[in-house]
Amino acid sequence: MALNVDEEVERLKEEIKRLGQPQNDGSYKVKFGVLFNDDRCANIFEALVGTLRAAKRRKILTYEGELLLQGVHDNVEILLYKPPNPPPPQVATTA
């Protein structure tokens, strides 16, 4: 069963949190080689690089360059941005 792009991006976020290192600001960092060589990721993502590019276009994460290649870019760090804070709850007012 193929996932749609949004579902794949959500799964990618979960895997980056699983494999990556949490940062003080709430973001996560992981090296491309760690993601690429992880068996679980290999089983989930048919096209890991395509999912990374889709997430980068959505400004969910960032990394240097446009295209990541196995071996050549194994040490490139991928930064998963901290999720935005949810809006505060609305307080009902009475007139």
PDB file of N, CA and C in Angstrom:
ATOM      1  N   MET A   1       0.847  -1.184   0.000  1.00  0.00           N
ATOM      2  CA  MET A   1       0.000   0.000   0.000  1.00  0.00           C
ATOM      3  C   MET A   1       0.889   1.242   0.000  1.00  0.00           C
ATOM      4  N   ALA A   2       0.708   2.076  -0.970  1.00  0.00           N
ATOM      5  CA  ALA A   2       1.511   3.295  -1.077  1.00  0.00           C
ATOM      6  C   ALA A   2       0.884   4.408  -0.238  1.00  0.00           C
ATOM      7  N   LEU A   3       1.746   5.129   0.446  1.00  0.00           N
ATOM      8  CA  LEU A   3       1.281   6.277   1.224  1.00  0.00           C
ATOM      9  C   LEU A   3       1.252   7.497   0.327  1.00  0.00           C
ATOM     10  N   ASN A   4       0.365   8.451   0.627  1.00  0.00           N
ATOM     11  CA  ASN A   4       0.432   9.694  -0.124  1.00  0.00           C
ATOM     12  C   ASN A   4       1.554  10.542   0.465  1.00  0.00           C
ATOM     13  N   VAL A   5       1.898  11.617  -0.201  1.00  0.00           N
ATOM     14  CA  VAL A   5       3.054  12.424   0.188  1.00  0.00           C
ATOM     15  C   VAL A   5       2.905  12.965   1.608  1.00  0.00           C
ATOM     16  N   ASP A   6       1.725  13.468   1.956  1.00  0.00           N
ATOM     17  CA  ASP A   6       1.525  14.008   3.305  1.00  0.00           C
ATOM     18  C   ASP A   6       1.743  12.937   4.373  1.00  0.00           C
ATOM     19  N   GLU A   7       1.246  11.723   4.115  1.00  0.00           N
ATOM     20  CA  GLU A   7       1.440  10.631   5.070  1.00  0.00           C
ATOM     21  C   GLU A   7       2.915  10.260   5.174  1.00  0.00           C
ATOM     22  N   GLU A   8       3.612  10.236   4.038  1.00  0.00           N
ATOM     23  CA  GLU A   8       5.040   9.914   4.054  1.00  0.00           C
ATOM     24  C   GLU A   8       5.829  10.963   4.819  1.00  0.00           C
ATOM     25  N   VAL A   9       5.489  12.233   4.654  1.00  0.00           N
ATOM     26  CA  VAL A   9       6.179  13.302   5.377  1.00  0.00           C
ATOM     27  C   VAL A   9       5.952  13.137   6.880  1.00  0.00           C
ATOM     28  N   GLU A  10       4.729  12.793   7.282  1.00  0.00           N
ATOM     29  CA  GLU A  10       4.450  12.575   8.706  1.00  0.00           C
ATOM     30  C   GLU A  10       5.266  11.403   9.247  1.00  0.00           C
ATOM     31  N   ARG A  11       5.351  10.323   8.489  1.00  0.00           N
ATOM     32  CA  ARG A  11       6.157   9.165   8.909  1.00  0.00           C
ATOM     33  C   ARG A  11       7.629   9.543   8.988  1.00  0.00           C
ATOM     34  N   LEU A  12       8.089  10.354   8.033  1.00  0.00           N
ATOM     35  CA  LEU A  12       9.481  10.804   8.039  1.00  0.00           C
ATOM     36  C   LEU A  12       9.781  11.594   9.309  1.00  0.00           C
ATOM     37  N   LYS A  13       8.869  12.458   9.703  1.00  0.00           N
ATOM     38  CA  LYS A  13       9.046  13.228  10.938  1.00  0.00           C
ATOM     39  C   LYS A  13       9.197  12.283  12.136  1.00  0.00           C
ATOM     40  N   GLU A  14       8.380  11.246  12.187  1.00  0.00           N
ATOM     41  CA  GLU A  14       8.465  10.269  13.281  1.00  0.00           C
ATOM     42  C   GLU A  14       9.822   9.575  13.287  1.00  0.00           C
ATOM     43  N   GLU A  15      10.305   9.200  12.104  1.00  0.00           N
ATOM     44  CA  GLU A  15      11.583   8.491  12.014  1.00  0.00           C
ATOM     45  C   GLU A  15      12.758   9.401  12.362  1.00  0.00           C
ATOM     46  N   ILE A  16      12.685  10.661  11.983  1.00  0.00           N
ATOM     47  CA  ILE A  16      13.752  11.600  12.348  1.00  0.00           C
ATOM     48  C   ILE A  16      13.780  11.768  13.862  1.00  0.00           C
ATOM     49  N   LYS A  17      12.627  11.822  14.488  1.00  0.00           N
ATOM     50  CA  LYS A  17      12.580  11.928  15.950  1.00  0.00           C
ATOM     51  C   LYS A  17      13.127  10.657  16.599  1.00  0.00           C
ATOM     52  N   ARG A  18      12.863   9.508  16.001  1.00  0.00           N
ATOM     53  CA  ARG A  18      13.347   8.232  16.546  1.00  0.00           C
ATOM     54  C   ARG A  18      14.863   8.120  16.424  1.00  0.00           C
ATOM     55  N   LEU A  19      15.397   8.503  15.280  1.00  0.00           N
ATOM     56  CA  LEU A  19      16.820   8.301  15.004  1.00  0.00           C
ATOM     57  C   LEU A  19      17.692   9.507  15.325  1.00  0.00           C
ATOM     58  N   GLY A  20      17.078  10.687  15.394  1.00  0.00           N
ATOM     59  CA  GLY A  20      17.845  11.918  15.533  1.00  0.00           C
ATOM     60  C   GLY A  20      18.123  12.311  16.967  1.00  0.00           C
ATOM     61  N   GLN A  21      18.837  13.408  17.085  1.00  0.00           N
ATOM     62  CA  GLN A  21      19.193  13.965  18.383  1.00  0.00           C
ATOM     63  C   GLN A  21      18.334  15.198  18.638  1.00  0.00           C
ATOM     64  N   PRO A  22      17.624  15.234  19.780  1.00  0.00           N
ATOM     65  CA  PRO A  22      16.844  16.439  20.087  1.00  0.00           C
ATOM     66  C   PRO A  22      17.772  17.618  20.358  1.00  0.00           C
ATOM     67  N   GLN A  23      17.371  18.787  19.898  1.00  0.00           N
ATOM     68  CA  GLN A  23      18.132  20.013  20.099  1.00  0.00           C
ATOM     69  C   GLN A  23      17.452  20.841  21.188  1.00  0.00           C
ATOM     70  N   ASN A  24      18.181  21.784  21.742  1.00  0.00           N
ATOM     71  CA  ASN A  24      17.650  22.607  22.837  1.00  0.00           C
ATOM     72  C   ASN A  24      16.402  23.389  22.448  1.00  0.00           C
ATOM     73  N   ASP A  25      16.261  23.713  21.159  1.00  0.00           N
ATOM     74  CA  ASP A  25      15.116  24.517  20.720  1.00  0.00           C
ATOM     75  C   ASP A  25      13.892  23.678  20.348  1.00  0.00           C
ATOM     76  N   GLY A  26      13.962  22.354  20.535  1.00  0.00           N
ATOM     77  CA  GLY A  26      12.831  21.493  20.213  1.00  0.00           C
ATOM     78  C   GLY A  26      12.916  20.857  18.835  1.00  0.00           C
ATOM     79  N   SER A  27      13.937  21.212  18.059  1.00  0.00           N
ATOM     80  CA  SER A  27      14.129  20.602  16.750  1.00  0.00           C
ATOM     81  C   SER A  27      14.916  19.296  16.919  1.00  0.00           C
ATOM     82  N   TYR A  28      15.084  18.558  15.817  1.00  0.00           N
ATOM     83  CA  TYR A  28      15.847  17.308  15.821  1.00  0.00           C
ATOM     84  C   TYR A  28      16.830  17.329  14.666  1.00  0.00           C
ATOM     85  N   LYS A  29      18.022  16.736  14.880  1.00  0.00           N
ATOM     86  CA  LYS A  29      19.016  16.600  13.822  1.00  0.00           C
ATOM     87  C   LYS A  29      19.349  15.130  13.638  1.00  0.00           C
ATOM     88  N   VAL A  30      19.503  14.745  12.375  1.00  0.00           N
ATOM     89  CA  VAL A  30      19.933  13.391  12.045  1.00  0.00           C
ATOM     90  C   VAL A  30      20.759  13.470  10.764  1.00  0.00           C
ATOM     91  N   LYS A  31      21.749  12.625  10.646  1.00  0.00           N
ATOM     92  CA  LYS A  31      22.549  12.585   9.421  1.00  0.00           C
ATOM     93  C   LYS A  31      21.816  11.743   8.373  1.00  0.00           C
ATOM     94  N   PHE A  32      21.956  12.155   7.110  1.00  0.00           N
ATOM     95  CA  PHE A  32      21.297  11.461   6.011  1.00  0.00           C
ATOM     96  C   PHE A  32      21.656   9.978   5.997  1.00  0.00           C
ATOM     97  N   GLY A  33      22.920   9.666   6.219  1.00  0.00           N
ATOM     98  CA  GLY A  33      23.353   8.267   6.198  1.00  0.00           C
ATOM     99  C   GLY A  33      22.652   7.413   7.241  1.00  0.00           C
ATOM    100  N   VAL A  34      22.364   7.995   8.398  1.00  0.00           N
ATOM    101  CA  VAL A  34      21.652   7.267   9.455  1.00  0.00           C
ATOM    102  C   VAL A  34      20.244   6.924   8.981  1.00  0.00           C
ATOM    103  N   LEU A  35      19.565   7.897   8.383  1.00  0.00           N
ATOM    104  CA  LEU A  35      18.217   7.644   7.851  1.00  0.00           C
ATOM    105  C   LEU A  35      18.260   6.626   6.722  1.00  0.00           C
ATOM    106  N   PHE A  36      19.166   6.853   5.776  1.00  0.00           N
ATOM    107  CA  PHE A  36      19.219   6.030   4.572  1.00  0.00           C
ATOM    108  C   PHE A  36      19.540   4.571   4.899  1.00  0.00           C
ATOM    109  N   ASN A  37      20.403   4.349   5.881  1.00  0.00           N
ATOM    110  CA  ASN A  37      20.852   2.994   6.193  1.00  0.00           C
ATOM    111  C   ASN A  37      20.015   2.291   7.253  1.00  0.00           C
ATOM    112  N   ASP A  38      18.976   2.940   7.758  1.00  0.00           N
ATOM    113  CA  ASP A  38      18.110   2.335   8.761  1.00  0.00           C
ATOM    114  C   ASP A  38      17.128   1.378   8.087  1.00  0.00           C
ATOM    115  N   ASP A  39      17.068   0.144   8.582  1.00  0.00           N
ATOM    116  CA  ASP A  39      16.195  -0.866   7.971  1.00  0.00           C
ATOM    117  C   ASP A  39      14.729  -0.469   8.009  1.00  0.00           C
ATOM    118  N   ARG A  40      14.295   0.095   9.121  1.00  0.00           N
ATOM    119  CA  ARG A  40      12.881   0.488   9.238  1.00  0.00           C
ATOM    120  C   ARG A  40      12.537   1.550   8.201  1.00  0.00           C
ATOM    121  N   CYS A  41      13.411   2.548   8.040  1.00  0.00           N
ATOM    122  CA  CYS A  41      13.169   3.594   7.031  1.00  0.00           C
ATOM    123  C   CYS A  41      13.161   3.000   5.629  1.00  0.00           C
ATOM    124  N   ALA A  42      14.062   2.075   5.380  1.00  0.00           N
ATOM    125  CA  ALA A  42      14.130   1.452   4.055  1.00  0.00           C
ATOM    126  C   ALA A  42      12.833   0.725   3.727  1.00  0.00           C
ATOM    127  N   ASN A  43      12.197   0.148   4.742  1.00  0.00           N
ATOM    128  CA  ASN A  43      10.943  -0.569   4.519  1.00  0.00           C
ATOM    129  C   ASN A  43       9.752   0.367   4.371  1.00  0.00           C
ATOM    130  N   ILE A  44       9.825   1.557   4.953  1.00  0.00           N
ATOM    131  CA  ILE A  44       8.702   2.498   4.911  1.00  0.00           C
ATOM    132  C   ILE A  44       8.708   3.323   3.633  1.00  0.00           C
ATOM    133  N   PHE A  45       9.870   3.850   3.282  1.00  0.00           N
ATOM    134  CA  PHE A  45       9.953   4.841   2.207  1.00  0.00           C
ATOM    135  C   PHE A  45      10.483   4.224   0.923  1.00  0.00           C
ATOM    136  N   GLU A  46       9.632   4.232  -0.112  1.00  0.00           N
ATOM    137  CA  GLU A  46      10.086   3.771  -1.420  1.00  0.00           C
ATOM    138  C   GLU A  46      11.110   4.738  -1.987  1.00  0.00           C
ATOM    139  N   ALA A  47      10.914   6.019  -1.726  1.00  0.00           N
ATOM    140  CA  ALA A  47      11.801   7.052  -2.261  1.00  0.00           C
ATOM    141  C   ALA A  47      12.109   8.050  -1.148  1.00  0.00           C
ATOM    142  N   LEU A  48      13.066   7.696  -0.285  1.00  0.00           N
ATOM    143  CA  LEU A  48      13.409   8.541   0.851  1.00  0.00           C
ATOM    144  C   LEU A  48      13.809   9.939   0.404  1.00  0.00           C
ATOM    145  N   VAL A  49      14.621  10.024  -0.643  1.00  0.00           N
ATOM    146  CA  VAL A  49      15.089  11.335  -1.111  1.00  0.00           C
ATOM    147  C   VAL A  49      13.912  12.187  -1.581  1.00  0.00           C
ATOM    148  N   GLY A  50      12.955  11.581  -2.259  1.00  0.00           N
ATOM    149  CA  GLY A  50      11.773  12.319  -2.703  1.00  0.00           C
ATOM    150  C   GLY A  50      10.940  12.813  -1.532  1.00  0.00           C
ATOM    151  N   THR A  51      10.816  11.995  -0.494  1.00  0.00           N
ATOM    152  CA  THR A  51      10.072  12.407   0.699  1.00  0.00           C
ATOM    153  C   THR A  51      10.796  13.542   1.407  1.00  0.00           C
ATOM    154  N   LEU A  52      12.126  13.461   1.492  1.00  0.00           N
ATOM    155  CA  LEU A  52      12.907  14.548   2.088  1.00  0.00           C
ATOM    156  C   LEU A  52      12.701  15.849   1.313  1.00  0.00           C
ATOM    157  N   ARG A  53      12.729  15.768  -0.007  1.00  0.00           N
ATOM    158  CA  ARG A  53      12.544  16.974  -0.831  1.00  0.00           C
ATOM    159  C   ARG A  53      11.149  17.563  -0.629  1.00  0.00           C
ATOM    160  N   ALA A  54      10.136  16.695  -0.538  1.00  0.00           N
ATOM    161  CA  ALA A  54       8.769  17.176  -0.311  1.00  0.00           C
ATOM    162  C   ALA A  54       8.667  17.872   1.043  1.00  0.00           C
ATOM    163  N   ALA A  55       9.287  17.309   2.070  1.00  0.00           N
ATOM    164  CA  ALA A  55       9.264  17.919   3.404  1.00  0.00           C
ATOM    165  C   ALA A  55      10.026  19.240   3.405  1.00  0.00           C
ATOM    166  N   LYS A  56      11.103  19.307   2.641  1.00  0.00           N
ATOM    167  CA  LYS A  56      11.874  20.557   2.559  1.00  0.00           C
ATOM    168  C   LYS A  56      11.045  21.643   1.874  1.00  0.00           C
ATOM    169  N   ARG A  57      10.337  21.283   0.811  1.00  0.00           N
ATOM    170  CA  ARG A  57       9.473  22.255   0.119  1.00  0.00           C
ATOM    171  C   ARG A  57       8.370  22.772   1.035  1.00  0.00           C
ATOM    172  N   ARG A  58       7.906  21.922   1.951  1.00  0.00           N
ATOM    173  CA  ARG A  58       6.859  22.317   2.899  1.00  0.00           C
ATOM    174  C   ARG A  58       7.433  23.050   4.116  1.00  0.00           C
ATOM    175  N   LYS A  59       8.762  23.236   4.130  1.00  0.00           N
ATOM    176  CA  LYS A  59       9.466  23.934   5.223  1.00  0.00           C
ATOM    177  C   LYS A  59       9.281  23.228   6.569  1.00  0.00           C
ATOM    178  N   ILE A  60       9.258  21.891   6.512  1.00  0.00           N
ATOM    179  CA  ILE A  60       9.171  21.066   7.712  1.00  0.00           C
ATOM    180  C   ILE A  60      10.572  20.729   8.206  1.00  0.00           C
ATOM    181  N   LEU A  61      11.509  20.670   7.266  1.00  0.00           N
ATOM    182  CA  LEU A  61      12.891  20.379   7.595  1.00  0.00           C
ATOM    183  C   LEU A  61      13.792  21.085   6.598  1.00  0.00           C
ATOM    184  N   THR A  62      15.093  21.028   6.856  1.00  0.00           N
ATOM    185  CA  THR A  62      16.049  21.619   5.932  1.00  0.00           C
ATOM    186  C   THR A  62      17.334  20.805   5.935  1.00  0.00           C
ATOM    187  N   TYR A  63      18.089  20.942   4.859  1.00  0.00           N
ATOM    188  CA  TYR A  63      19.418  20.355   4.727  1.00  0.00           C
ATOM    189  C   TYR A  63      20.124  21.102   3.613  1.00  0.00           C
ATOM    190  N   GLU A  64      21.464  20.986   3.603  1.00  0.00           N
ATOM    191  CA  GLU A  64      22.247  21.666   2.572  1.00  0.00           C
ATOM    192  C   GLU A  64      22.079  20.956   1.243  1.00  0.00           C
ATOM    193  N   GLY A  65      21.962  21.738   0.173  1.00  0.00           N
ATOM    194  CA  GLY A  65      21.875  21.171  -1.162  1.00  0.00           C
ATOM    195  C   GLY A  65      20.448  20.854  -1.567  1.00  0.00           C
ATOM    196  N   GLU A  66      20.330  20.330  -2.769  1.00  0.00           N
ATOM    197  CA  GLU A  66      19.019  19.977  -3.312  1.00  0.00           C
ATOM    198  C   GLU A  66      18.790  18.475  -3.318  1.00  0.00           C
ATOM    199  N   LEU A  67      19.837  17.718  -3.656  1.00  0.00           N
ATOM    200  CA  LEU A  67      19.715  16.276  -3.837  1.00  0.00           C
ATOM    201  C   LEU A  67      20.722  15.578  -2.941  1.00  0.00           C
ATOM    202  N   LEU A  68      20.269  14.597  -2.174  1.00  0.00           N
ATOM    203  CA  LEU A  68      21.157  13.836  -1.303  1.00  0.00           C
ATOM    204  C   LEU A  68      21.392  12.461  -1.914  1.00  0.00           C
ATOM    205  N   LEU A  69      22.656  12.057  -1.965  1.00  0.00           N
ATOM    206  CA  LEU A  69      23.032  10.777  -2.543  1.00  0.00           C
ATOM    207  C   LEU A  69      23.700   9.909  -1.492  1.00  0.00           C
ATOM    208  N   GLN A  70      23.362   8.614  -1.506  1.00  0.00           N
ATOM    209  CA  GLN A  70      23.967   7.676  -0.569  1.00  0.00           C
ATOM    210  C   GLN A  70      25.478   7.683  -0.735  1.00  0.00           C
ATOM    211  N   GLY A  71      26.187   7.642   0.373  1.00  0.00           N
ATOM    212  CA  GLY A  71      27.647   7.635   0.341  1.00  0.00           C
ATOM    213  C   GLY A  71      28.213   9.030   0.277  1.00  0.00           C
ATOM    214  N   VAL A  72      27.871   9.767  -0.761  1.00  0.00           N
ATOM    215  CA  VAL A  72      28.397  11.116  -0.969  1.00  0.00           C
ATOM    216  C   VAL A  72      27.925  12.065   0.122  1.00  0.00           C
ATOM    217  N   HIS A  73      26.668  11.954   0.517  1.00  0.00           N
ATOM    218  CA  HIS A  73      26.065  12.908   1.455  1.00  0.00           C
ATOM    219  C   HIS A  73      25.672  12.275   2.794  1.00  0.00           C
ATOM    220  N   ASP A  74      26.297  11.165   3.156  1.00  0.00           N
ATOM    221  CA  ASP A  74      25.925  10.479   4.403  1.00  0.00           C
ATOM    222  C   ASP A  74      26.079  11.356   5.639  1.00  0.00           C
ATOM    223  N   ASN A  75      27.003  12.321   5.617  1.00  0.00           N
ATOM    224  CA  ASN A  75      27.240  13.168   6.791  1.00  0.00           C
ATOM    225  C   ASN A  75      26.474  14.484   6.761  1.00  0.00           C
ATOM    226  N   VAL A  76      25.619  14.678   5.758  1.00  0.00           N
ATOM    227  CA  VAL A  76      24.810  15.897   5.699  1.00  0.00           C
ATOM    228  C   VAL A  76      23.753  15.820   6.798  1.00  0.00           C
ATOM    229  N   GLU A  77      23.670  16.890   7.593  1.00  0.00           N
ATOM    230  CA  GLU A  77      22.691  16.924   8.675  1.00  0.00           C
ATOM    231  C   GLU A  77      21.341  17.401   8.163  1.00  0.00           C
ATOM    232  N   ILE A  78      20.318  16.692   8.572  1.00  0.00           N
ATOM    233  CA  ILE A  78      18.939  17.062   8.274  1.00  0.00           C
ATOM    234  C   ILE A  78      18.363  17.625   9.564  1.00  0.00           C
ATOM    235  N   LEU A  79      17.786  18.803   9.480  1.00  0.00           N
ATOM    236  CA  LEU A  79      17.216  19.470  10.652  1.00  0.00           C
ATOM    237  C   LEU A  79      15.704  19.485  10.524  1.00  0.00           C
ATOM    238  N   LEU A  80      15.037  18.768  11.420  1.00  0.00           N
ATOM    239  CA  LEU A  80      13.576  18.793  11.507  1.00  0.00           C
ATOM    240  C   LEU A  80      13.215  19.948  12.417  1.00  0.00           C
ATOM    241  N   TYR A  81      12.514  20.932  11.856  1.00  0.00           N
ATOM    242  CA  TYR A  81      12.160  22.115  12.629  1.00  0.00           C
ATOM    243  C   TYR A  81      11.257  21.763  13.799  1.00  0.00           C
ATOM    244  N   LYS A  82      11.339  22.571  14.838  1.00  0.00           N
ATOM    245  CA  LYS A  82      10.438  22.458  15.986  1.00  0.00           C
ATOM    246  C   LYS A  82       9.022  22.723  15.490  1.00  0.00           C
ATOM    247  N   PRO A  83       8.053  21.897  15.915  1.00  0.00           N
ATOM    248  CA  PRO A  83       6.679  22.166  15.486  1.00  0.00           C
ATOM    249  C   PRO A  83       6.201  23.497  16.054  1.00  0.00           C
ATOM    250  N   PRO A  84       5.365  24.208  15.312  1.00  0.00           N
ATOM    251  CA  PRO A  84       4.863  25.487  15.818  1.00  0.00           C
ATOM    252  C   PRO A  84       4.004  25.267  17.057  1.00  0.00           C
ATOM    253  N   ASN A  85       4.003  26.256  17.916  1.00  0.00           N
ATOM    254  CA  ASN A  85       3.160  26.182  19.109  1.00  0.00           C
ATOM    255  C   ASN A  85       1.702  26.284  18.692  1.00  0.00           C
ATOM    256  N   PRO A  86       0.838  25.475  19.316  1.00  0.00           N
ATOM    257  CA  PRO A  86      -0.587  25.590  18.978  1.00  0.00           C
ATOM    258  C   PRO A  86      -1.122  26.933  19.467  1.00  0.00           C
ATOM    259  N   PRO A  87      -2.131  27.446  18.796  1.00  0.00           N
ATOM    260  CA  PRO A  87      -2.702  28.721  19.243  1.00  0.00           C
ATOM    261  C   PRO A  87      -3.328  28.557  20.624  1.00  0.00           C
ATOM    262  N   PRO A  88      -3.348  29.629  21.408  1.00  0.00           N
ATOM    263  CA  PRO A  88      -3.966  29.524  22.736  1.00  0.00           C
ATOM    264  C   PRO A  88      -5.462  29.276  22.591  1.00  0.00           C
ATOM    265  N   PRO A  89      -6.056  28.601  23.569  1.00  0.00           N
ATOM    266  CA  PRO A  89      -7.502  28.339  23.485  1.00  0.00           C
ATOM    267  C   PRO A  89      -8.282  29.650  23.529  1.00  0.00           C
ATOM    268  N   GLN A  90      -9.363  29.658  22.795  1.00  0.00           N
ATOM    269  CA  GLN A  90     -10.225  30.840  22.766  1.00  0.00           C
ATOM    270  C   GLN A  90     -11.071  30.868  24.034  1.00  0.00           C
ATOM    271  N   VAL A  91     -11.118  32.011  24.651  1.00  0.00           N
ATOM    272  CA  VAL A  91     -11.923  32.184  25.858  1.00  0.00           C
ATOM    273  C   VAL A  91     -13.262  32.775  25.444  1.00  0.00           C
ATOM    274  N   ALA A  92     -14.314  32.118  25.867  1.00  0.00           N
ATOM    275  CA  ALA A  92     -15.650  32.617  25.529  1.00  0.00           C
ATOM    276  C   ALA A  92     -15.916  33.893  26.324  1.00  0.00           C
ATOM    277  N   THR A  93     -16.400  34.888  25.634  1.00  0.00           N
ATOM    278  CA  THR A  93     -16.740  36.145  26.311  1.00  0.00           C
ATOM    279  C   THR A  93     -18.242  36.341  26.252  1.00  0.00           C
ATOM    280  N   THR A  94     -18.760  36.955  27.275  1.00  0.00           N
ATOM    281  CA  THR A  94     -20.194  37.259  27.289  1.00  0.00           C
ATOM    282  C   THR A  94     -20.363  38.762  27.229  1.00  0.00           C
ATOM    283  N   ALA A  95     -21.348  39.167  26.489  1.00  0.00           N
ATOM    284  CA  ALA A  95     -21.569  40.606  26.312  1.00  0.00           C
ATOM    285  C   ALA A  95     -22.494  41.165  27.344  1.00  0.00           C
TER     286      ALA A  95
END
